């Protein structure tokens, strides 16, 4: 059994505008990179960590419109323990 798992994910969003056509505010053209790792301590216990937006890229839009709701940017760190009974 492999005890350590590592992952890397990079997403690119190209040109996206806040309104139909190219008349609205540009809210696209960004990369976001996430990394994750977990370690299986035993059959019932796993510890994990994840960093979202590793390079702290700024891709926040000032637009308040439910059609353009997406992650708010900023680096985020998650650490946890998962158990099975």
PDB file of N, CA and C in Angstrom:
ATOM      1  N   UNK A   1       0.839  -1.187   0.000  1.00  0.00           N
ATOM      2  CA  UNK A   1       0.000   0.000   0.000  1.00  0.00           C
ATOM      3  C   UNK A   1       0.880   1.245   0.000  1.00  0.00           C
ATOM      4  N   UNK A   2       0.641   2.176  -0.957  1.00  0.00           N
ATOM      5  CA  UNK A   2       1.349   3.444  -0.970  1.00  0.00           C
ATOM      6  C   UNK A   2       0.797   4.319   0.143  1.00  0.00           C
ATOM      7  N   UNK A   3       1.682   4.842   0.981  1.00  0.00           N
ATOM      8  CA  UNK A   3       1.227   5.638   2.113  1.00  0.00           C
ATOM      9  C   UNK A   3       1.129   7.123   1.798  1.00  0.00           C
ATOM     10  N   UNK A   4       1.899   7.588   0.813  1.00  0.00           N
ATOM     11  CA  UNK A   4       1.916   9.012   0.491  1.00  0.00           C
ATOM     12  C   UNK A   4       1.344   9.227  -0.906  1.00  0.00           C
ATOM     13  N   UNK A   5       0.471  10.214  -1.033  1.00  0.00           N
ATOM     14  CA  UNK A   5      -0.081  10.614  -2.328  1.00  0.00           C
ATOM     15  C   UNK A   5       0.118  12.115  -2.488  1.00  0.00           C
ATOM     16  N   UNK A   6       0.607  12.526  -3.647  1.00  0.00           N
ATOM     17  CA  UNK A   6       0.835  13.935  -3.945  1.00  0.00           C
ATOM     18  C   UNK A   6       0.051  14.308  -5.188  1.00  0.00           C
ATOM     19  N   UNK A   7      -0.421  15.540  -5.254  1.00  0.00           N
ATOM     20  CA  UNK A   7      -1.169  15.984  -6.426  1.00  0.00           C
ATOM     21  C   UNK A   7      -0.902  17.437  -6.746  1.00  0.00           C
ATOM     22  N   UNK A   8      -0.973  17.751  -8.024  1.00  0.00           N
ATOM     23  CA  UNK A   8      -0.791  19.116  -8.520  1.00  0.00           C
ATOM     24  C   UNK A   8      -1.861  19.364  -9.567  1.00  0.00           C
ATOM     25  N   UNK A   9      -2.523  20.504  -9.488  1.00  0.00           N
ATOM     26  CA  UNK A   9      -3.555  20.854 -10.458  1.00  0.00           C
ATOM     27  C   UNK A   9      -3.382  22.313 -10.849  1.00  0.00           C
ATOM     28  N   UNK A  10      -3.370  22.576 -12.146  1.00  0.00           N
ATOM     29  CA  UNK A  10      -3.308  23.946 -12.651  1.00  0.00           C
ATOM     30  C   UNK A  10      -4.480  24.159 -13.588  1.00  0.00           C
ATOM     31  N   UNK A  11      -5.185  25.263 -13.376  1.00  0.00           N
ATOM     32  CA  UNK A  11      -6.339  25.600 -14.208  1.00  0.00           C
ATOM     33  C   UNK A  11      -6.091  26.951 -14.875  1.00  0.00           C
ATOM     34  N   UNK A  12      -6.470  27.058 -16.136  1.00  0.00           N
ATOM     35  CA  UNK A  12      -6.367  28.322 -16.853  1.00  0.00           C
ATOM     36  C   UNK A  12      -7.747  28.739 -17.315  1.00  0.00           C
ATOM     37  N   UNK A  13      -8.080  29.980 -17.090  1.00  0.00           N
ATOM     38  CA  UNK A  13      -9.309  30.546 -17.616  1.00  0.00           C
ATOM     39  C   UNK A  13      -8.917  31.644 -18.585  1.00  0.00           C
ATOM     40  N   UNK A  14      -9.351  31.519 -19.816  1.00  0.00           N
ATOM     41  CA  UNK A  14      -9.025  32.487 -20.856  1.00  0.00           C
ATOM     42  C   UNK A  14      -9.898  33.723 -20.775  1.00  0.00           C
ATOM     43  N   UNK A  15     -10.057  34.385 -21.893  1.00  0.00           N
ATOM     44  CA  UNK A  15     -10.833  35.632 -21.940  1.00  0.00           C
ATOM     45  C   UNK A  15     -12.287  35.380 -21.581  1.00  0.00           C
ATOM     46  N   UNK A  16     -12.741  36.027 -20.539  1.00  0.00           N
ATOM     47  CA  UNK A  16     -14.129  35.968 -20.101  1.00  0.00           C
ATOM     48  C   UNK A  16     -14.536  37.404 -19.780  1.00  0.00           C
ATOM     49  N   UNK A  17     -15.685  37.789 -20.259  1.00  0.00           N
ATOM     50  CA  UNK A  17     -16.168  39.151 -20.030  1.00  0.00           C
ATOM     51  C   UNK A  17     -17.438  39.116 -19.206  1.00  0.00           C
ATOM     52  N   UNK A  18     -17.688  40.184 -18.478  1.00  0.00           N
ATOM     53  CA  UNK A  18     -18.810  40.234 -17.552  1.00  0.00           C
ATOM     54  C   UNK A  18     -20.153  40.382 -18.251  1.00  0.00           C
ATOM     55  N   UNK A  19     -20.164  40.773 -19.502  1.00  0.00           N
ATOM     56  CA  UNK A  19     -21.410  40.936 -20.245  1.00  0.00           C
ATOM     57  C   UNK A  19     -21.257  40.244 -21.589  1.00  0.00           C
ATOM     58  N   UNK A  20     -22.334  40.157 -22.339  1.00  0.00           N
ATOM     59  CA  UNK A  20     -22.268  39.552 -23.674  1.00  0.00           C
ATOM     60  C   UNK A  20     -21.301  40.324 -24.560  1.00  0.00           C
ATOM     61  N   UNK A  21     -20.549  39.600 -25.357  1.00  0.00           N
ATOM     62  CA  UNK A  21     -19.587  40.237 -26.251  1.00  0.00           C
ATOM     63  C   UNK A  21     -18.379  40.733 -25.488  1.00  0.00           C
ATOM     64  N   UNK A  22     -17.637  41.658 -26.079  1.00  0.00           N
ATOM     65  CA  UNK A  22     -16.423  42.174 -25.455  1.00  0.00           C
ATOM     66  C   UNK A  22     -16.634  43.585 -24.915  1.00  0.00           C
ATOM     67  N   UNK A  23     -17.861  43.898 -24.513  1.00  0.00           N
ATOM     68  CA  UNK A  23     -18.174  45.224 -23.984  1.00  0.00           C
ATOM     69  C   UNK A  23     -17.994  45.301 -22.469  1.00  0.00           C
ATOM     70  N   UNK A  24     -18.045  44.156 -21.786  1.00  0.00           N
ATOM     71  CA  UNK A  24     -17.981  44.152 -20.328  1.00  0.00           C
ATOM     72  C   UNK A  24     -16.566  44.144 -19.795  1.00  0.00           C
ATOM     73  N   UNK A  25     -16.458  44.084 -18.481  1.00  0.00           N
ATOM     74  CA  UNK A  25     -15.168  44.045 -17.806  1.00  0.00           C
ATOM     75  C   UNK A  25     -14.519  42.682 -18.002  1.00  0.00           C
ATOM     76  N   UNK A  26     -13.217  42.661 -18.274  1.00  0.00           N
ATOM     77  CA  UNK A  26     -12.455  41.421 -18.430  1.00  0.00           C
ATOM     78  C   UNK A  26     -12.296  40.762 -17.056  1.00  0.00           C
ATOM     79  N   UNK A  27     -12.813  39.544 -16.907  1.00  0.00           N
ATOM     80  CA  UNK A  27     -12.693  38.842 -15.625  1.00  0.00           C
ATOM     81  C   UNK A  27     -11.969  37.510 -15.803  1.00  0.00           C
ATOM     82  N   UNK A  28     -11.369  37.287 -16.955  1.00  0.00           N
ATOM     83  CA  UNK A  28     -10.661  36.033 -17.214  1.00  0.00           C
ATOM     84  C   UNK A  28      -9.162  36.243 -17.310  1.00  0.00           C
ATOM     85  N   UNK A  29      -8.497  35.334 -18.039  1.00  0.00           N
ATOM     86  CA  UNK A  29      -7.044  35.341 -18.254  1.00  0.00           C
ATOM     87  C   UNK A  29      -6.262  35.167 -16.966  1.00  0.00           C
ATOM     88  N   UNK A  30      -6.439  34.025 -16.323  1.00  0.00           N
ATOM     89  CA  UNK A  30      -5.646  33.735 -15.131  1.00  0.00           C
ATOM     90  C   UNK A  30      -5.386  32.240 -15.006  1.00  0.00           C
ATOM     91  N   UNK A  31      -4.288  31.910 -14.326  1.00  0.00           N
ATOM     92  CA  UNK A  31      -3.943  30.550 -13.950  1.00  0.00           C
ATOM     93  C   UNK A  31      -4.126  30.426 -12.450  1.00  0.00           C
ATOM     94  N   UNK A  32      -4.562  29.268 -11.982  1.00  0.00           N
ATOM     95  CA  UNK A  32      -4.619  28.972 -10.553  1.00  0.00           C
ATOM     96  C   UNK A  32      -4.012  27.585 -10.361  1.00  0.00           C
ATOM     97  N   UNK A  33      -3.082  27.470  -9.417  1.00  0.00           N
ATOM     98  CA  UNK A  33      -2.390  26.206  -9.161  1.00  0.00           C
ATOM     99  C   UNK A  33      -2.672  25.759  -7.733  1.00  0.00           C
ATOM    100  N   UNK A  34      -3.059  24.497  -7.573  1.00  0.00           N
ATOM    101  CA  UNK A  34      -3.320  23.894  -6.266  1.00  0.00           C
ATOM    102  C   UNK A  34      -2.393  22.695  -6.079  1.00  0.00           C
ATOM    103  N   UNK A  35      -2.014  22.434  -4.839  1.00  0.00           N
ATOM    104  CA  UNK A  35      -1.266  21.212  -4.530  1.00  0.00           C
ATOM    105  C   UNK A  35      -1.950  20.510  -3.358  1.00  0.00           C
ATOM    106  N   UNK A  36      -1.770  19.199  -3.310  1.00  0.00           N
ATOM    107  CA  UNK A  36      -2.335  18.447  -2.189  1.00  0.00           C
ATOM    108  C   UNK A  36      -1.441  17.262  -1.868  1.00  0.00           C
ATOM    109  N   UNK A  37      -1.541  16.806  -0.642  1.00  0.00           N
ATOM    110  CA  UNK A  37      -0.787  15.633  -0.200  1.00  0.00           C
ATOM    111  C   UNK A  37      -1.579  14.951   0.910  1.00  0.00           C
ATOM    112  N   UNK A  38      -1.448  13.634   0.966  1.00  0.00           N
ATOM    113  CA  UNK A  38      -2.008  12.915   2.104  1.00  0.00           C
ATOM    114  C   UNK A  38      -1.085  11.766   2.480  1.00  0.00           C
ATOM    115  N   UNK A  39      -1.213  11.350   3.723  1.00  0.00           N
ATOM    116  CA  UNK A  39      -0.390  10.261   4.262  1.00  0.00           C
ATOM    117  C   UNK A  39      -1.291   9.312   5.032  1.00  0.00           C
ATOM    118  N   UNK A  40      -1.280   8.038   4.628  1.00  0.00           N
ATOM    119  CA  UNK A  40      -2.074   7.001   5.275  1.00  0.00           C
ATOM    120  C   UNK A  40      -1.303   6.475   6.481  1.00  0.00           C
ATOM    121  N   UNK A  41      -1.705   6.853   7.680  1.00  0.00           N
ATOM    122  CA  UNK A  41      -1.014   6.429   8.901  1.00  0.00           C
ATOM    123  C   UNK A  41      -1.234   4.937   9.140  1.00  0.00           C
ATOM    124  N   UNK A  42      -2.488   4.501   9.034  1.00  0.00           N
ATOM    125  CA  UNK A  42      -2.831   3.079   9.123  1.00  0.00           C
ATOM    126  C   UNK A  42      -4.106   2.863   8.312  1.00  0.00           C
ATOM    127  N   UNK A  43      -4.701   1.690   8.414  1.00  0.00           N
ATOM    128  CA  UNK A  43      -5.897   1.399   7.608  1.00  0.00           C
ATOM    129  C   UNK A  43      -7.071   2.316   7.920  1.00  0.00           C
ATOM    130  N   UNK A  44      -7.088   2.916   9.097  1.00  0.00           N
ATOM    131  CA  UNK A  44      -8.228   3.716   9.522  1.00  0.00           C
ATOM    132  C   UNK A  44      -7.962   5.208   9.644  1.00  0.00           C
ATOM    133  N   UNK A  45      -6.723   5.649   9.454  1.00  0.00           N
ATOM    134  CA  UNK A  45      -6.397   7.043   9.721  1.00  0.00           C
ATOM    135  C   UNK A  45      -5.530   7.643   8.621  1.00  0.00           C
ATOM    136  N   UNK A  46      -5.966   8.803   8.121  1.00  0.00           N
ATOM    137  CA  UNK A  46      -5.270   9.509   7.048  1.00  0.00           C
ATOM    138  C   UNK A  46      -5.142  10.979   7.444  1.00  0.00           C
ATOM    139  N   UNK A  47      -3.982  11.574   7.228  1.00  0.00           N
ATOM    140  CA  UNK A  47      -3.808  13.011   7.417  1.00  0.00           C
ATOM    141  C   UNK A  47      -3.613  13.631   6.034  1.00  0.00           C
ATOM    142  N   UNK A  48      -4.104  14.848   5.851  1.00  0.00           N
ATOM    143  CA  UNK A  48      -4.026  15.457   4.534  1.00  0.00           C
ATOM    144  C   UNK A  48      -3.816  16.966   4.644  1.00  0.00           C
ATOM    145  N   UNK A  49      -3.328  17.536   3.569  1.00  0.00           N
ATOM    146  CA  UNK A  49      -3.191  18.983   3.450  1.00  0.00           C
ATOM    147  C   UNK A  49      -3.437  19.378   2.004  1.00  0.00           C
ATOM    148  N   UNK A  50      -3.908  20.601   1.826  1.00  0.00           N
ATOM    149  CA  UNK A  50      -4.167  21.114   0.481  1.00  0.00           C
ATOM    150  C   UNK A  50      -3.932  22.618   0.494  1.00  0.00           C
ATOM    151  N   UNK A  51      -3.264  23.107  -0.534  1.00  0.00           N
ATOM    152  CA  UNK A  51      -3.069  24.543  -0.703  1.00  0.00           C
ATOM    153  C   UNK A  51      -3.758  24.932  -2.006  1.00  0.00           C
ATOM    154  N   UNK A  52      -4.728  25.819  -1.907  1.00  0.00           N
ATOM    155  CA  UNK A  52      -5.448  26.321  -3.072  1.00  0.00           C
ATOM    156  C   UNK A  52      -4.869  27.684  -3.422  1.00  0.00           C
ATOM    157  N   UNK A  53      -4.635  27.918  -4.701  1.00  0.00           N
ATOM    158  CA  UNK A  53      -4.033  29.152  -5.204  1.00  0.00           C
ATOM    159  C   UNK A  53      -2.628  29.322  -4.618  1.00  0.00           C
ATOM    160  N   UNK A  54      -1.802  28.340  -4.871  1.00  0.00           N
ATOM    161  CA  UNK A  54      -0.446  28.269  -4.322  1.00  0.00           C
ATOM    162  C   UNK A  54       0.347  29.555  -4.504  1.00  0.00           C
ATOM    163  N   UNK A  55       0.251  30.186  -5.670  1.00  0.00           N
ATOM    164  CA  UNK A  55       1.056  31.373  -5.961  1.00  0.00           C
ATOM    165  C   UNK A  55       0.323  32.671  -5.635  1.00  0.00           C
ATOM    166  N   UNK A  56      -0.798  32.566  -4.935  1.00  0.00           N
ATOM    167  CA  UNK A  56      -1.566  33.714  -4.471  1.00  0.00           C
ATOM    168  C   UNK A  56      -1.902  34.674  -5.609  1.00  0.00           C
ATOM    169  N   UNK A  57      -2.312  34.107  -6.762  1.00  0.00           N
ATOM    170  CA  UNK A  57      -2.681  34.924  -7.906  1.00  0.00           C
ATOM    171  C   UNK A  57      -3.960  35.702  -7.612  1.00  0.00           C
ATOM    172  N   UNK A  58      -4.001  36.936  -8.056  1.00  0.00           N
ATOM    173  CA  UNK A  58      -5.160  37.790  -7.830  1.00  0.00           C
ATOM    174  C   UNK A  58      -6.102  37.670  -9.021  1.00  0.00           C
ATOM    175  N   UNK A  59      -7.236  37.057  -8.826  1.00  0.00           N
ATOM    176  CA  UNK A  59      -8.207  36.932  -9.904  1.00  0.00           C
ATOM    177  C   UNK A  59      -9.606  37.241  -9.400  1.00  0.00           C
ATOM    178  N   UNK A  60      -9.701  38.153  -8.468  1.00  0.00           N
ATOM    179  CA  UNK A  60     -10.982  38.535  -7.889  1.00  0.00           C
ATOM    180  C   UNK A  60     -11.641  39.582  -8.776  1.00  0.00           C
ATOM    181  N   UNK A  61     -12.900  39.411  -9.018  1.00  0.00           N
ATOM    182  CA  UNK A  61     -13.662  40.397  -9.780  1.00  0.00           C
ATOM    183  C   UNK A  61     -14.445  41.284  -8.816  1.00  0.00           C
ATOM    184  N   UNK A  62     -14.588  42.545  -9.167  1.00  0.00           N
ATOM    185  CA  UNK A  62     -15.399  43.469  -8.369  1.00  0.00           C
ATOM    186  C   UNK A  62     -16.856  43.443  -8.799  1.00  0.00           C
ATOM    187  N   UNK A  63     -17.165  42.586  -9.751  1.00  0.00           N
ATOM    188  CA  UNK A  63     -18.517  42.513 -10.288  1.00  0.00           C
ATOM    189  C   UNK A  63     -19.416  41.746  -9.322  1.00  0.00           C
ATOM    190  N   UNK A  64     -20.547  42.319  -8.994  1.00  0.00           N
ATOM    191  CA  UNK A  64     -21.520  41.622  -8.150  1.00  0.00           C
ATOM    192  C   UNK A  64     -22.638  41.166  -9.072  1.00  0.00           C
ATOM    193  N   UNK A  65     -22.513  39.927  -9.543  1.00  0.00           N
ATOM    194  CA  UNK A  65     -23.477  39.379 -10.490  1.00  0.00           C
ATOM    195  C   UNK A  65     -23.453  37.870 -10.315  1.00  0.00           C
ATOM    196  N   UNK A  66     -24.588  37.276 -10.049  1.00  0.00           N
ATOM    197  CA  UNK A  66     -24.626  35.841  -9.764  1.00  0.00           C
ATOM    198  C   UNK A  66     -24.161  34.984 -10.936  1.00  0.00           C
ATOM    199  N   UNK A  67     -24.110  35.536 -12.152  1.00  0.00           N
ATOM    200  CA  UNK A  67     -23.621  34.771 -13.290  1.00  0.00           C
ATOM    201  C   UNK A  67     -22.109  34.608 -13.272  1.00  0.00           C
ATOM    202  N   UNK A  68     -21.417  35.399 -12.475  1.00  0.00           N
ATOM    203  CA  UNK A  68     -19.951  35.377 -12.472  1.00  0.00           C
ATOM    204  C   UNK A  68     -19.402  35.143 -11.081  1.00  0.00           C
ATOM    205  N   UNK A  69     -19.980  34.221 -10.358  1.00  0.00           N
ATOM    206  CA  UNK A  69     -19.486  33.885  -9.025  1.00  0.00           C
ATOM    207  C   UNK A  69     -18.434  32.803  -9.185  1.00  0.00           C
ATOM    208  N   UNK A  70     -17.243  33.061  -8.704  1.00  0.00           N
ATOM    209  CA  UNK A  70     -16.167  32.081  -8.740  1.00  0.00           C
ATOM    210  C   UNK A  70     -15.285  32.293  -7.537  1.00  0.00           C
ATOM    211  N   UNK A  71     -14.310  31.447  -7.353  1.00  0.00           N
ATOM    212  CA  UNK A  71     -13.466  31.512  -6.172  1.00  0.00           C
ATOM    213  C   UNK A  71     -12.953  32.926  -5.960  1.00  0.00           C
ATOM    214  N   UNK A  72     -12.761  33.296  -4.723  1.00  0.00           N
ATOM    215  CA  UNK A  72     -12.446  34.681  -4.399  1.00  0.00           C
ATOM    216  C   UNK A  72     -10.955  34.987  -4.387  1.00  0.00           C
ATOM    217  N   UNK A  73     -10.136  34.083  -4.869  1.00  0.00           N
ATOM    218  CA  UNK A  73      -8.709  34.357  -4.893  1.00  0.00           C
ATOM    219  C   UNK A  73      -8.090  34.198  -3.519  1.00  0.00           C
ATOM    220  N   UNK A  74      -6.842  34.550  -3.420  1.00  0.00           N
ATOM    221  CA  UNK A  74      -6.137  34.410  -2.157  1.00  0.00           C
ATOM    222  C   UNK A  74      -5.695  32.975  -1.926  1.00  0.00           C
ATOM    223  N   UNK A  75      -4.597  32.809  -1.262  1.00  0.00           N
ATOM    224  CA  UNK A  75      -4.084  31.480  -0.932  1.00  0.00           C
ATOM    225  C   UNK A  75      -4.876  30.918   0.242  1.00  0.00           C
ATOM    226  N   UNK A  76      -5.223  29.634   0.160  1.00  0.00           N
ATOM    227  CA  UNK A  76      -5.964  28.970   1.221  1.00  0.00           C
ATOM    228  C   UNK A  76      -5.263  27.670   1.590  1.00  0.00           C
ATOM    229  N   UNK A  77      -5.162  27.386   2.880  1.00  0.00           N
ATOM    230  CA  UNK A  77      -4.521  26.176   3.365  1.00  0.00           C
ATOM    231  C   UNK A  77      -5.531  25.365   4.171  1.00  0.00           C
ATOM    232  N   UNK A  78      -5.601  24.076   3.859  1.00  0.00           N
ATOM    233  CA  UNK A  78      -6.467  23.157   4.585  1.00  0.00           C
ATOM    234  C   UNK A  78      -5.629  22.004   5.107  1.00  0.00           C
ATOM    235  N   UNK A  79      -5.829  21.635   6.346  1.00  0.00           N
ATOM    236  CA  UNK A  79      -5.138  20.504   6.963  1.00  0.00           C
ATOM    237  C   UNK A  79      -6.198  19.719   7.719  1.00  0.00           C
ATOM    238  N   UNK A  80      -6.130  18.392   7.652  1.00  0.00           N
ATOM    239  CA  UNK A  80      -7.137  17.623   8.352  1.00  0.00           C
ATOM    240  C   UNK A  80      -6.739  16.181   8.610  1.00  0.00           C
ATOM    241  N   UNK A  81      -7.594  15.530   9.344  1.00  0.00           N
ATOM    242  CA  UNK A  81      -7.443  14.106   9.657  1.00  0.00           C
ATOM    243  C   UNK A  81      -8.745  13.433   9.261  1.00  0.00           C
ATOM    244  N   UNK A  82      -8.629  12.330   8.555  1.00  0.00           N
ATOM    245  CA  UNK A  82      -9.808  11.566   8.129  1.00  0.00           C
ATOM    246  C   UNK A  82      -9.708  10.182   8.742  1.00  0.00           C
ATOM    247  N   UNK A  83     -10.785   9.724   9.348  1.00  0.00           N
ATOM    248  CA  UNK A  83     -10.781   8.409   9.977  1.00  0.00           C
ATOM    249  C   UNK A  83     -11.925   7.547   9.514  1.00  0.00           C
ATOM    250  N   UNK A  84     -11.714   6.244   9.526  1.00  0.00           N
ATOM    251  CA  UNK A  84     -12.742   5.253   9.221  1.00  0.00           C
ATOM    252  C   UNK A  84     -12.987   4.407  10.461  1.00  0.00           C
ATOM    253  N   UNK A  85     -14.239   4.128  10.727  1.00  0.00           N
ATOM    254  CA  UNK A  85     -14.572   3.272  11.881  1.00  0.00           C
ATOM    255  C   UNK A  85     -14.758   1.846  11.450  1.00  0.00           C
TER     256      UNK A  85
END
